[in-house]
PDB file of N, CA and C in Angstrom:
ATOM      1  N   MET A   1       0.841  -1.179   0.000  1.00  0.00           N
ATOM      2  CA  MET A   1       0.000   0.000   0.000  1.00  0.00           C
ATOM      3  C   MET A   1       0.879   1.233   0.000  1.00  0.00           C
ATOM      4  N   ASP A   2       0.539   2.194  -0.810  1.00  0.00           N
ATOM      5  CA  ASP A   2       1.228   3.471  -0.843  1.00  0.00           C
ATOM      6  C   ASP A   2       0.719   4.274   0.350  1.00  0.00           C
ATOM      7  N   THR A   3       1.589   4.525   1.324  1.00  0.00           N
ATOM      8  CA  THR A   3       1.150   5.199   2.544  1.00  0.00           C
ATOM      9  C   THR A   3       0.861   6.676   2.325  1.00  0.00           C
ATOM     10  N   VAL A   4       1.386   7.255   1.271  1.00  0.00           N
ATOM     11  CA  VAL A   4       1.137   8.671   0.990  1.00  0.00           C
ATOM     12  C   VAL A   4      -0.256   8.868   0.416  1.00  0.00           C
ATOM     13  N   THR A   5      -0.625   8.060  -0.556  1.00  0.00           N
ATOM     14  CA  THR A   5      -1.923   8.229  -1.221  1.00  0.00           C
ATOM     15  C   THR A   5      -2.983   7.265  -0.717  1.00  0.00           C
ATOM     16  N   GLY A   6      -2.579   6.238   0.015  1.00  0.00           N
ATOM     17  CA  GLY A   6      -3.527   5.226   0.452  1.00  0.00           C
ATOM     18  C   GLY A   6      -3.930   4.288  -0.658  1.00  0.00           C
ATOM     19  N   ASN A   7      -3.205   4.317  -1.755  1.00  0.00           N
ATOM     20  CA  ASN A   7      -3.515   3.485  -2.914  1.00  0.00           C
ATOM     21  C   ASN A   7      -3.133   2.040  -2.622  1.00  0.00           C
ATOM     22  N   MET A   8      -4.104   1.144  -2.681  1.00  0.00           N
ATOM     23  CA  MET A   8      -3.844  -0.277  -2.425  1.00  0.00           C
ATOM     24  C   MET A   8      -3.139  -0.944  -3.597  1.00  0.00           C
ATOM     25  N   HIS A   9      -3.164  -0.336  -4.765  1.00  0.00           N
ATOM     26  CA  HIS A   9      -2.572  -0.935  -5.959  1.00  0.00           C
ATOM     27  C   HIS A   9      -1.406  -0.095  -6.449  1.00  0.00           C
ATOM     28  N   VAL A  10      -0.316  -0.139  -5.722  1.00  0.00           N
ATOM     29  CA  VAL A  10       0.900   0.546  -6.153  1.00  0.00           C
ATOM     30  C   VAL A  10       1.343  -0.102  -7.455  1.00  0.00           C
ATOM     31  N   ALA A  11       1.830   0.676  -8.396  1.00  0.00           N
ATOM     32  CA  ALA A  11       2.140   0.180  -9.746  1.00  0.00           C
ATOM     33  C   ALA A  11       2.979  -1.074  -9.731  1.00  0.00           C
ATOM     34  N   GLU A  12       4.028  -1.131  -8.908  1.00  0.00           N
ATOM     35  CA  GLU A  12       4.924  -2.277  -8.932  1.00  0.00           C
ATOM     36  C   GLU A  12       4.273  -3.526  -8.366  1.00  0.00           C
ATOM     37  N   GLU A  13       3.300  -3.355  -7.480  1.00  0.00           N
ATOM     38  CA  GLU A  13       2.710  -4.509  -6.837  1.00  0.00           C
ATOM     39  C   GLU A  13       1.229  -4.659  -7.171  1.00  0.00           C
ATOM     40  N   ALA A  14       0.830  -4.148  -8.293  1.00  0.00           N
ATOM     41  CA  ALA A  14      -0.559  -4.288  -8.719  1.00  0.00           C
ATOM     42  C   ALA A  14      -0.876  -5.756  -8.933  1.00  0.00           C
ATOM     43  N   SER A  15      -2.119  -6.120  -8.690  1.00  0.00           N
ATOM     44  CA  SER A  15      -2.502  -7.513  -8.888  1.00  0.00           C
ATOM     45  C   SER A  15      -2.361  -7.877 -10.356  1.00  0.00           C
ATOM     46  N   THR A  16      -2.243  -9.178 -10.616  1.00  0.00           N
ATOM     47  CA  THR A  16      -2.073  -9.628 -11.995  1.00  0.00           C
ATOM     48  C   THR A  16      -3.297  -9.294 -12.841  1.00  0.00           C
ATOM     49  N   GLN A  17      -4.455  -9.138 -12.215  1.00  0.00           N
ATOM     50  CA  GLN A  17      -5.661  -8.793 -12.961  1.00  0.00           C
ATOM     51  C   GLN A  17      -5.593  -7.367 -13.493  1.00  0.00           C
ATOM     52  N   ASP A  18      -4.863  -6.477 -12.814  1.00  0.00           N
ATOM     53  CA  ASP A  18      -4.772  -5.078 -13.206  1.00  0.00           C
ATOM     54  C   ASP A  18      -3.728  -4.842 -14.288  1.00  0.00           C
ATOM     55  N   GLN A  19      -2.894  -5.806 -14.559  1.00  0.00           N
ATOM     56  CA  GLN A  19      -1.792  -5.622 -15.489  1.00  0.00           C
ATOM     57  C   GLN A  19      -2.165  -6.124 -16.879  1.00  0.00           C
ATOM     58  N   GLN A  20      -1.441  -5.602 -17.871  1.00  0.00           N
ATOM     59  CA  GLN A  20      -1.630  -6.052 -19.247  1.00  0.00           C
ATOM     60  C   GLN A  20      -1.063  -7.464 -19.390  1.00  0.00           C
ATOM     61  N   ARG A  21      -1.698  -8.281 -20.213  1.00  0.00           N
ATOM     62  CA  ARG A  21      -1.251  -9.659 -20.432  1.00  0.00           C
ATOM     63  C   ARG A  21       0.124  -9.667 -21.082  1.00  0.00           C
ATOM     64  N   MET A  22       0.971 -10.593 -20.653  1.00  0.00           N
ATOM     65  CA  MET A  22       2.303 -10.752 -21.233  1.00  0.00           C
ATOM     66  C   MET A  22       2.233 -11.749 -22.380  1.00  0.00           C
ATOM     67  N   GLU A  23       3.001 -11.508 -23.423  1.00  0.00           N
ATOM     68  CA  GLU A  23       3.123 -12.485 -24.500  1.00  0.00           C
ATOM     69  C   GLU A  23       4.054 -13.599 -24.048  1.00  0.00           C
ATOM     70  N   ARG A  24       3.822 -14.800 -24.583  1.00  0.00           N
ATOM     71  CA  ARG A  24       4.694 -15.926 -24.262  1.00  0.00           C
ATOM     72  C   ARG A  24       6.115 -15.590 -24.715  1.00  0.00           C
ATOM     73  N   PRO A  25       7.089 -15.679 -23.797  1.00  0.00           N
ATOM     74  CA  PRO A  25       8.467 -15.345 -24.183  1.00  0.00           C
ATOM     75  C   PRO A  25       9.084 -16.454 -25.032  1.00  0.00           C
ATOM     76  N   PRO A  26      10.051 -16.106 -25.874  1.00  0.00           N
ATOM     77  CA  PRO A  26      10.742 -17.135 -26.656  1.00  0.00           C
ATOM     78  C   PRO A  26      11.603 -18.003 -25.739  1.00  0.00           C
ATOM     79  N   ALA A  27      11.987 -19.167 -26.229  1.00  0.00           N
ATOM     80  CA  ALA A  27      12.784 -20.106 -25.431  1.00  0.00           C
ATOM     81  C   ALA A  27      14.098 -19.503 -24.957  1.00  0.00           C
ATOM     82  N   ASP A  28      14.654 -18.566 -25.731  1.00  0.00           N
ATOM     83  CA  ASP A  28      15.937 -17.979 -25.346  1.00  0.00           C
ATOM     84  C   ASP A  28      15.785 -16.692 -24.528  1.00  0.00           C
ATOM     85  N   ALA A  29      14.579 -16.409 -24.055  1.00  0.00           N
ATOM     86  CA  ALA A  29      14.354 -15.222 -23.219  1.00  0.00           C
ATOM     87  C   ALA A  29      15.076 -15.393 -21.886  1.00  0.00           C
ATOM     88  N   PRO A  30      15.416 -14.293 -21.232  1.00  0.00           N
ATOM     89  CA  PRO A  30      16.050 -14.396 -19.913  1.00  0.00           C
ATOM     90  C   PRO A  30      15.150 -15.145 -18.928  1.00  0.00           C
ATOM     91  N   GLU A  31      15.773 -15.825 -17.996  1.00  0.00           N
ATOM     92  CA  GLU A  31      15.047 -16.650 -17.025  1.00  0.00           C
ATOM     93  C   GLU A  31      14.021 -15.834 -16.235  1.00  0.00           C
ATOM     94  N   HIS A  32      14.373 -14.618 -15.843  1.00  0.00           N
ATOM     95  CA  HIS A  32      13.440 -13.816 -15.042  1.00  0.00           C
ATOM     96  C   HIS A  32      12.168 -13.480 -15.822  1.00  0.00           C
ATOM     97  N   VAL A  33      12.274 -13.327 -17.118  1.00  0.00           N
ATOM     98  CA  VAL A  33      11.102 -13.036 -17.951  1.00  0.00           C
ATOM     99  C   VAL A  33      10.198 -14.266 -18.022  1.00  0.00           C
ATOM    100  N   LYS A  34      10.814 -15.431 -18.219  1.00  0.00           N
ATOM    101  CA  LYS A  34      10.022 -16.662 -18.333  1.00  0.00           C
ATOM    102  C   LYS A  34       9.321 -16.998 -17.020  1.00  0.00           C
ATOM    103  N   CYS A  35      10.005 -16.821 -15.887  1.00  0.00           N
ATOM    104  CA  CYS A  35       9.349 -17.207 -14.634  1.00  0.00           C
ATOM    105  C   CYS A  35       8.229 -16.229 -14.268  1.00  0.00           C
ATOM    106  N   LYS A  36       8.380 -14.949 -14.606  1.00  0.00           N
ATOM    107  CA  LYS A  36       7.285 -14.007 -14.355  1.00  0.00           C
ATOM    108  C   LYS A  36       6.101 -14.320 -15.270  1.00  0.00           C
ATOM    109  N   TRP A  37       6.382 -14.618 -16.537  1.00  0.00           N
ATOM    110  CA  TRP A  37       5.316 -14.973 -17.471  1.00  0.00           C
ATOM    111  C   TRP A  37       4.563 -16.200 -16.966  1.00  0.00           C
ATOM    112  N   TRP A  38       5.287 -17.223 -16.526  1.00  0.00           N
ATOM    113  CA  TRP A  38       4.660 -18.454 -16.031  1.00  0.00           C
ATOM    114  C   TRP A  38       3.724 -18.147 -14.866  1.00  0.00           C
ATOM    115  N   ARG A  39       4.217 -17.360 -13.907  1.00  0.00           N
ATOM    116  CA  ARG A  39       3.397 -17.049 -12.732  1.00  0.00           C
ATOM    117  C   ARG A  39       2.138 -16.279 -13.114  1.00  0.00           C
ATOM    118  N   GLU A  40       2.308 -15.253 -13.954  1.00  0.00           N
ATOM    119  CA  GLU A  40       1.173 -14.397 -14.289  1.00  0.00           C
ATOM    120  C   GLU A  40       0.215 -15.004 -15.309  1.00  0.00           C
ATOM    121  N   GLU A  41       0.742 -15.619 -16.350  1.00  0.00           N
ATOM    122  CA  GLU A  41      -0.099 -16.059 -17.462  1.00  0.00           C
ATOM    123  C   GLU A  41      -0.521 -17.524 -17.384  1.00  0.00           C
ATOM    124  N   VAL A  42       0.341 -18.381 -16.900  1.00  0.00           N
ATOM    125  CA  VAL A  42      -0.003 -19.804 -16.810  1.00  0.00           C
ATOM    126  C   VAL A  42      -0.728 -20.085 -15.497  1.00  0.00           C
ATOM    127  N   MET A  43      -0.106 -19.703 -14.394  1.00  0.00           N
ATOM    128  CA  MET A  43      -0.698 -19.978 -13.085  1.00  0.00           C
ATOM    129  C   MET A  43      -1.752 -18.942 -12.687  1.00  0.00           C
ATOM    130  N   GLU A  44      -1.645 -17.738 -13.237  1.00  0.00           N
ATOM    131  CA  GLU A  44      -2.558 -16.639 -12.915  1.00  0.00           C
ATOM    132  C   GLU A  44      -2.599 -16.366 -11.415  1.00  0.00           C
ATOM    133  N   LEU A  45      -1.402 -16.242 -10.833  1.00  0.00           N
ATOM    134  CA  LEU A  45      -1.264 -16.000  -9.399  1.00  0.00           C
ATOM    135  C   LEU A  45      -0.434 -14.752  -9.148  1.00  0.00           C
ATOM    136  N   SER A  46      -0.735 -14.079  -8.053  1.00  0.00           N
ATOM    137  CA  SER A  46       0.130 -12.997  -7.593  1.00  0.00           C
ATOM    138  C   SER A  46       1.312 -13.637  -6.864  1.00  0.00           C
ATOM    139  N   ARG A  47       2.312 -12.859  -6.573  1.00  0.00           N
ATOM    140  CA  ARG A  47       3.449 -13.384  -5.803  1.00  0.00           C
ATOM    141  C   ARG A  47       2.975 -13.883  -4.442  1.00  0.00           C
ATOM    142  N   GLU A  48       2.060 -13.134  -3.842  1.00  0.00           N
ATOM    143  CA  GLU A  48       1.547 -13.497  -2.520  1.00  0.00           C
ATOM    144  C   GLU A  48       0.763 -14.802  -2.560  1.00  0.00           C
ATOM    145  N   GLN A  49       0.089 -15.079  -3.657  1.00  0.00           N
ATOM    146  CA  GLN A  49      -0.656 -16.334  -3.790  1.00  0.00           C
ATOM    147  C   GLN A  49       0.273 -17.509  -4.062  1.00  0.00           C
ATOM    148  N   LEU A  50       1.330 -17.282  -4.835  1.00  0.00           N
ATOM    149  CA  LEU A  50       2.267 -18.354  -5.165  1.00  0.00           C
ATOM    150  C   LEU A  50       3.141 -18.734  -3.976  1.00  0.00           C
ATOM    151  N   ALA A  51       3.501 -17.762  -3.161  1.00  0.00           N
ATOM    152  CA  ALA A  51       4.459 -17.980  -2.072  1.00  0.00           C
ATOM    153  C   ALA A  51       4.142 -19.197  -1.189  1.00  0.00           C
ATOM    154  N   PRO A  52       2.944 -19.337  -0.630  1.00  0.00           N
ATOM    155  CA  PRO A  52       2.702 -20.497   0.233  1.00  0.00           C
ATOM    156  C   PRO A  52       2.659 -21.832  -0.515  1.00  0.00           C
ATOM    157  N   LEU A  53       2.415 -21.787  -1.810  1.00  0.00           N
ATOM    158  CA  LEU A  53       2.379 -23.022  -2.598  1.00  0.00           C
ATOM    159  C   LEU A  53       3.770 -23.599  -2.833  1.00  0.00           C
ATOM    160  N   ILE A  54       4.788 -22.730  -2.854  1.00  0.00           N
ATOM    161  CA  ILE A  54       6.138 -23.186  -3.197  1.00  0.00           C
ATOM    162  C   ILE A  54       7.144 -23.028  -2.066  1.00  0.00           C
ATOM    163  N   GLY A  55       6.760 -22.380  -0.970  1.00  0.00           N
ATOM    164  CA  GLY A  55       7.669 -22.241   0.164  1.00  0.00           C
ATOM    165  C   GLY A  55       8.718 -21.152   0.011  1.00  0.00           C
ATOM    166  N   PHE A  56       8.502 -20.217  -0.893  1.00  0.00           N
ATOM    167  CA  PHE A  56       9.371 -19.048  -1.050  1.00  0.00           C
ATOM    168  C   PHE A  56       8.536 -17.815  -0.718  1.00  0.00           C
ATOM    169  N   SER A  57       9.154 -16.801  -0.138  1.00  0.00           N
ATOM    170  CA  SER A  57       8.429 -15.575   0.185  1.00  0.00           C
ATOM    171  C   SER A  57       8.120 -14.787  -1.084  1.00  0.00           C
ATOM    172  N   ALA A  58       7.151 -13.895  -0.980  1.00  0.00           N
ATOM    173  CA  ALA A  58       6.823 -13.020  -2.112  1.00  0.00           C
ATOM    174  C   ALA A  58       8.030 -12.166  -2.487  1.00  0.00           C
ATOM    175  N   ALA A  59       8.814 -11.749  -1.499  1.00  0.00           N
ATOM    176  CA  ALA A  59      10.023 -10.955  -1.775  1.00  0.00           C
ATOM    177  C   ALA A  59      11.052 -11.773  -2.550  1.00  0.00           C
ATOM    178  N   ALA A  60      11.195 -13.051  -2.201  1.00  0.00           N
ATOM    179  CA  ALA A  60      12.133 -13.914  -2.932  1.00  0.00           C
ATOM    180  C   ALA A  60      11.659 -14.120  -4.370  1.00  0.00           C
ATOM    181  N   ILE A  61      10.360 -14.311  -4.547  1.00  0.00           N
ATOM    182  CA  ILE A  61       9.808 -14.474  -5.896  1.00  0.00           C
ATOM    183  C   ILE A  61      10.085 -13.217  -6.717  1.00  0.00           C
ATOM    184  N   LYS A  62       9.916 -12.062  -6.097  1.00  0.00           N
ATOM    185  CA  LYS A  62      10.201 -10.797  -6.782  1.00  0.00           C
ATOM    186  C   LYS A  62      11.664 -10.746  -7.226  1.00  0.00           C
ATOM    187  N   ASP A  63      12.571 -11.236  -6.378  1.00  0.00           N
ATOM    188  CA  ASP A  63      13.995 -11.273  -6.744  1.00  0.00           C
ATOM    189  C   ASP A  63      14.235 -12.172  -7.952  1.00  0.00           C
ATOM    190  N   PHE A  64      13.581 -13.325  -7.997  1.00  0.00           N
ATOM    191  CA  PHE A  64      13.744 -14.232  -9.140  1.00  0.00           C
ATOM    192  C   PHE A  64      13.230 -13.594 -10.428  1.00  0.00           C
ATOM    193  N   GLU A  65      12.264 -12.701 -10.321  1.00  0.00           N
ATOM    194  CA  GLU A  65      11.665 -12.058 -11.491  1.00  0.00           C
ATOM    195  C   GLU A  65      12.309 -10.721 -11.843  1.00  0.00           C
ATOM    196  N   ARG A  66      13.266 -10.289 -11.054  1.00  0.00           N
ATOM    197  CA  ARG A  66      13.877  -8.968 -11.263  1.00  0.00           C
ATOM    198  C   ARG A  66      15.009  -9.040 -12.279  1.00  0.00           C
ATOM    199  N   PRO A  67      14.973  -8.179 -13.306  1.00  0.00           N
ATOM    200  CA  PRO A  67      16.073  -8.169 -14.287  1.00  0.00           C
ATOM    201  C   PRO A  67      17.366  -7.699 -13.632  1.00  0.00           C
ATOM    202  N   GLY A  68      18.456  -8.346 -13.974  1.00  0.00           N
ATOM    203  CA  GLY A  68      19.761  -7.942 -13.464  1.00  0.00           C
ATOM    204  C   GLY A  68      20.057  -8.397 -12.053  1.00  0.00           C
ATOM    205  N   LYS A  69      19.129  -9.068 -11.392  1.00  0.00           N
ATOM    206  CA  LYS A  69      19.348  -9.537 -10.028  1.00  0.00           C
ATOM    207  C   LYS A  69      20.169 -10.818 -10.080  1.00  0.00           C
ATOM    208  N   ALA A  70      21.304 -10.822  -9.377  1.00  0.00           N
ATOM    209  CA  ALA A  70      22.140 -12.024  -9.325  1.00  0.00           C
ATOM    210  C   ALA A  70      21.445 -13.068  -8.451  1.00  0.00           C
ATOM    211  N   VAL A  71      21.251 -14.251  -9.006  1.00  0.00           N
ATOM    212  CA  VAL A  71      20.581 -15.333  -8.279  1.00  0.00           C
ATOM    213  C   VAL A  71      21.500 -16.544  -8.274  1.00  0.00           C
ATOM    214  N   ASP A  72      21.701 -17.108  -7.092  1.00  0.00           N
ATOM    215  CA  ASP A  72      22.519 -18.309  -6.957  1.00  0.00           C
ATOM    216  C   ASP A  72      21.903 -19.434  -7.794  1.00  0.00           C
ATOM    217  N   PRO A  73      22.719 -20.140  -8.589  1.00  0.00           N
ATOM    218  CA  PRO A  73      22.173 -21.212  -9.444  1.00  0.00           C
ATOM    219  C   PRO A  73      21.418 -22.294  -8.666  1.00  0.00           C
ATOM    220  N   MET A  74      21.871 -22.633  -7.474  1.00  0.00           N
ATOM    221  CA  MET A  74      21.159 -23.655  -6.691  1.00  0.00           C
ATOM    222  C   MET A  74      19.825 -23.114  -6.173  1.00  0.00           C
ATOM    223  N   ALA A  75      19.786 -21.842  -5.805  1.00  0.00           N
ATOM    224  CA  ALA A  75      18.518 -21.231  -5.384  1.00  0.00           C
ATOM    225  C   ALA A  75      17.549 -21.201  -6.561  1.00  0.00           C
ATOM    226  N   ARG A  76      18.052 -20.867  -7.741  1.00  0.00           N
ATOM    227  CA  ARG A  76      17.219 -20.857  -8.950  1.00  0.00           C
ATOM    228  C   ARG A  76      16.672 -22.260  -9.207  1.00  0.00           C
ATOM    229  N   ARG A  77      17.508 -23.278  -9.029  1.00  0.00           N
ATOM    230  CA  ARG A  77      17.076 -24.666  -9.250  1.00  0.00           C
ATOM    231  C   ARG A  77      15.978 -25.061  -8.258  1.00  0.00           C
ATOM    232  N   ARG A  78      16.158 -24.708  -6.975  1.00  0.00           N
ATOM    233  CA  ARG A  78      15.137 -25.018  -5.971  1.00  0.00           C
ATOM    234  C   ARG A  78      13.819 -24.315  -6.305  1.00  0.00           C
ATOM    235  N   TYR A  79      13.919 -23.061  -6.724  1.00  0.00           N
ATOM    236  CA  TYR A  79      12.730 -22.290  -7.096  1.00  0.00           C
ATOM    237  C   TYR A  79      12.032 -22.938  -8.297  1.00  0.00           C
ATOM    238  N   THR A  80      12.811 -23.319  -9.296  1.00  0.00           N
ATOM    239  CA  THR A  80      12.255 -23.956 -10.493  1.00  0.00           C
ATOM    240  C   THR A  80      11.550 -25.261 -10.141  1.00  0.00           C
ATOM    241  N   MET A  81      12.170 -26.091  -9.308  1.00  0.00           N
ATOM    242  CA  MET A  81      11.560 -27.366  -8.927  1.00  0.00           C
ATOM    243  C   MET A  81      10.285 -27.152  -8.110  1.00  0.00           C
ATOM    244  N   ALA A  82      10.285 -26.165  -7.223  1.00  0.00           N
ATOM    245  CA  ALA A  82       9.088 -25.869  -6.435  1.00  0.00           C
ATOM    246  C   ALA A  82       7.953 -25.394  -7.341  1.00  0.00           C
ATOM    247  N   CYS A  83       8.286 -24.552  -8.320  1.00  0.00           N
ATOM    248  CA  CYS A  83       7.270 -24.075  -9.264  1.00  0.00           C
ATOM    249  C   CYS A  83       6.740 -25.223 -10.121  1.00  0.00           C
ATOM    250  N   ALA A  84       7.618 -26.121 -10.533  1.00  0.00           N
ATOM    251  CA  ALA A  84       7.191 -27.274 -11.331  1.00  0.00           C
ATOM    252  C   ALA A  84       6.208 -28.134 -10.539  1.00  0.00           C
ATOM    253  N   ALA A  85       6.516 -28.378  -9.279  1.00  0.00           N
ATOM    254  CA  ALA A  85       5.624 -29.181  -8.439  1.00  0.00           C
ATOM    255  C   ALA A  85       4.272 -28.491  -8.265  1.00  0.00           C
ATOM    256  N   ALA A  86       4.291 -27.186  -8.044  1.00  0.00           N
ATOM    257  CA  ALA A  86       3.039 -26.438  -7.893  1.00  0.00           C
ATOM    258  C   ALA A  86       2.247 -26.437  -9.197  1.00  0.00           C
ATOM    259  N   SER A  87       2.946 -26.360 -10.304  1.00  0.00           N
ATOM    260  CA  SER A  87       2.304 -26.294 -11.613  1.00  0.00           C
ATOM    261  C   SER A  87       1.481 -27.536 -11.925  1.00  0.00           C
ATOM    262  N   ILE A  88       1.968 -28.686 -11.533  1.00  0.00           N
ATOM    263  CA  ILE A  88       1.254 -29.924 -11.858  1.00  0.00           C
ATOM    264  C   ILE A  88       0.521 -30.521 -10.661  1.00  0.00           C
ATOM    265  N   GLY A  89       0.506 -29.816  -9.539  1.00  0.00           N
ATOM    266  CA  GLY A  89      -0.294 -30.251  -8.401  1.00  0.00           C
ATOM    267  C   GLY A  89       0.296 -31.390  -7.596  1.00  0.00           C
ATOM    268  N   VAL A  90       1.604 -31.432  -7.467  1.00  0.00           N
ATOM    269  CA  VAL A  90       2.240 -32.491  -6.694  1.00  0.00           C
ATOM    270  C   VAL A  90       2.043 -32.239  -5.201  1.00  0.00           C
ATOM    271  N   GLU A  91       1.583 -33.254  -4.502  1.00  0.00           N
ATOM    272  CA  GLU A  91       1.492 -33.240  -3.043  1.00  0.00           C
ATOM    273  C   GLU A  91       2.472 -34.284  -2.531  1.00  0.00           C
ATOM    274  N   PHE A  92       3.311 -33.910  -1.589  1.00  0.00           N
ATOM    275  CA  PHE A  92       4.390 -34.787  -1.134  1.00  0.00           C
ATOM    276  C   PHE A  92       4.527 -34.651   0.369  1.00  0.00           C
ATOM    277  N   ASP A  93       4.606 -35.785   1.087  1.00  0.00           N
ATOM    278  CA  ASP A  93       4.773 -35.720   2.544  1.00  0.00           C
ATOM    279  C   ASP A  93       5.802 -36.715   3.077  1.00  0.00           C
ATOM    280  N   TRP A  94       6.779 -37.101   2.314  1.00  0.00           N
ATOM    281  CA  TRP A  94       7.853 -38.045   2.629  1.00  0.00           C
ATOM    282  C   TRP A  94       7.378 -39.491   2.642  1.00  0.00           C
ATOM    283  N   LEU A  95       6.112 -39.754   2.920  1.00  0.00           N
ATOM    284  CA  LEU A  95       5.606 -41.126   2.934  1.00  0.00           C
ATOM    285  C   LEU A  95       4.785 -41.446   1.692  1.00  0.00           C
ATOM    286  N   SER A  96       4.282 -40.408   1.057  1.00  0.00           N
ATOM    287  CA  SER A  96       3.489 -40.634  -0.150  1.00  0.00           C
ATOM    288  C   SER A  96       3.578 -39.412  -1.063  1.00  0.00           C
ATOM    289  N   THR A  97       3.272 -39.645  -2.313  1.00  0.00           N
ATOM    290  CA  THR A  97       3.248 -38.574  -3.304  1.00  0.00           C
ATOM    291  C   THR A  97       1.982 -38.727  -4.121  1.00  0.00           C
ATOM    292  N   SER A  98       1.289 -37.622  -4.337  1.00  0.00           N
ATOM    293  CA  SER A  98       0.130 -37.668  -5.223  1.00  0.00           C
ATOM    294  C   SER A  98       0.293 -36.577  -6.271  1.00  0.00           C
ATOM    295  N   LEU A  99      -0.365 -36.787  -7.388  1.00  0.00           N
ATOM    296  CA  LEU A  99      -0.273 -35.868  -8.507  1.00  0.00           C
ATOM    297  C   LEU A  99      -1.676 -35.612  -9.034  1.00  0.00           C
ATOM    298  N   VAL A 100      -2.084 -34.358  -9.018  1.00  0.00           N
ATOM    299  CA  VAL A 100      -3.385 -33.970  -9.538  1.00  0.00           C
ATOM    300  C   VAL A 100      -3.134 -33.074 -10.740  1.00  0.00           C
ATOM    301  N   ILE A 101      -3.387 -33.581 -11.938  1.00  0.00           N
ATOM    302  CA  ILE A 101      -3.133 -32.830 -13.164  1.00  0.00           C
ATOM    303  C   ILE A 101      -4.401 -32.062 -13.526  1.00  0.00           C
ATOM    304  N   THR A 102      -4.265 -30.741 -13.608  1.00  0.00           N
ATOM    305  CA  THR A 102      -5.428 -29.894 -13.878  1.00  0.00           C
ATOM    306  C   THR A 102      -5.340 -29.161 -15.206  1.00  0.00           C
ATOM    307  N   ARG A 103      -4.265 -29.377 -15.962  1.00  0.00           N
ATOM    308  CA  ARG A 103      -4.092 -28.747 -17.273  1.00  0.00           C
ATOM    309  C   ARG A 103      -3.349 -29.712 -18.169  1.00  0.00           C
ATOM    310  N   PRO A 104      -3.402 -29.509 -19.482  1.00  0.00           N
ATOM    311  CA  PRO A 104      -2.701 -30.423 -20.392  1.00  0.00           C
ATOM    312  C   PRO A 104      -1.207 -30.510 -20.067  1.00  0.00           C
ATOM    313  N   VAL A 105      -0.701 -31.739 -20.050  1.00  0.00           N
ATOM    314  CA  VAL A 105       0.709 -31.986 -19.757  1.00  0.00           C
ATOM    315  C   VAL A 105       1.252 -32.933 -20.815  1.00  0.00           C
ATOM    316  N   GLN A 106       2.431 -32.636 -21.330  1.00  0.00           N
ATOM    317  CA  GLN A 106       3.099 -33.533 -22.269  1.00  0.00           C
ATOM    318  C   GLN A 106       4.156 -34.304 -21.495  1.00  0.00           C
ATOM    319  N   ILE A 107       4.082 -35.616 -21.543  1.00  0.00           N
ATOM    320  CA  ILE A 107       5.057 -36.458 -20.856  1.00  0.00           C
ATOM    321  C   ILE A 107       6.011 -37.015 -21.898  1.00  0.00           C
ATOM    322  N   THR A 108       7.293 -36.760 -21.708  1.00  0.00           N
ATOM    323  CA  THR A 108       8.322 -37.182 -22.652  1.00  0.00           C
ATOM    324  C   THR A 108       9.362 -38.005 -21.913  1.00  0.00           C
ATOM    325  N   MET A 109       9.719 -39.143 -22.464  1.00  0.00           N
ATOM    326  CA  MET A 109      10.782 -39.971 -21.889  1.00  0.00           C
ATOM    327  C   MET A 109      11.962 -39.940 -22.838  1.00  0.00           C
ATOM    328  N   LYS A 110      13.130 -39.706 -22.298  1.00  0.00           N
ATOM    329  CA  LYS A 110      14.342 -39.652 -23.110  1.00  0.00           C
ATOM    330  C   LYS A 110      15.262 -40.792 -22.717  1.00  0.00           C
ATOM    331  N   THR A 111      15.891 -41.387 -23.700  1.00  0.00           N
ATOM    332  CA  THR A 111      16.905 -42.398 -23.422  1.00  0.00           C
ATOM    333  C   THR A 111      18.256 -41.783 -23.727  1.00  0.00           C
ATOM    334  N   GLU A 112      19.166 -41.989 -22.831  1.00  0.00           N
ATOM    335  CA  GLU A 112      20.494 -41.389 -23.018  1.00  0.00           C
ATOM    336  C   GLU A 112      21.563 -42.439 -22.934  1.00  0.00           C
TER     337      GLU A 112
END
């Protein structure tokens, strides 16, 4: 909230509904562009909504989406894996795993 104007929708933190739709980025787009696009256009979630689903704070998500922000490769990997699990509805509790698929998924097996 902007404490000066009392505006609940400060430009930088406006809800995804208030923002213009992003075009799908090309495969060679920077990582921060792709992860923001995924959150806003595929998942249709705000940072605050995504945070409890993946175990990262909204501030950390903002860092992953910020251009020019140095991100540790292992932190990026953990973030990517958490987003992947949230994307396909994986529930995991060390004793069992369930998968609830709510959107089209392509399953590919590679032999190496």
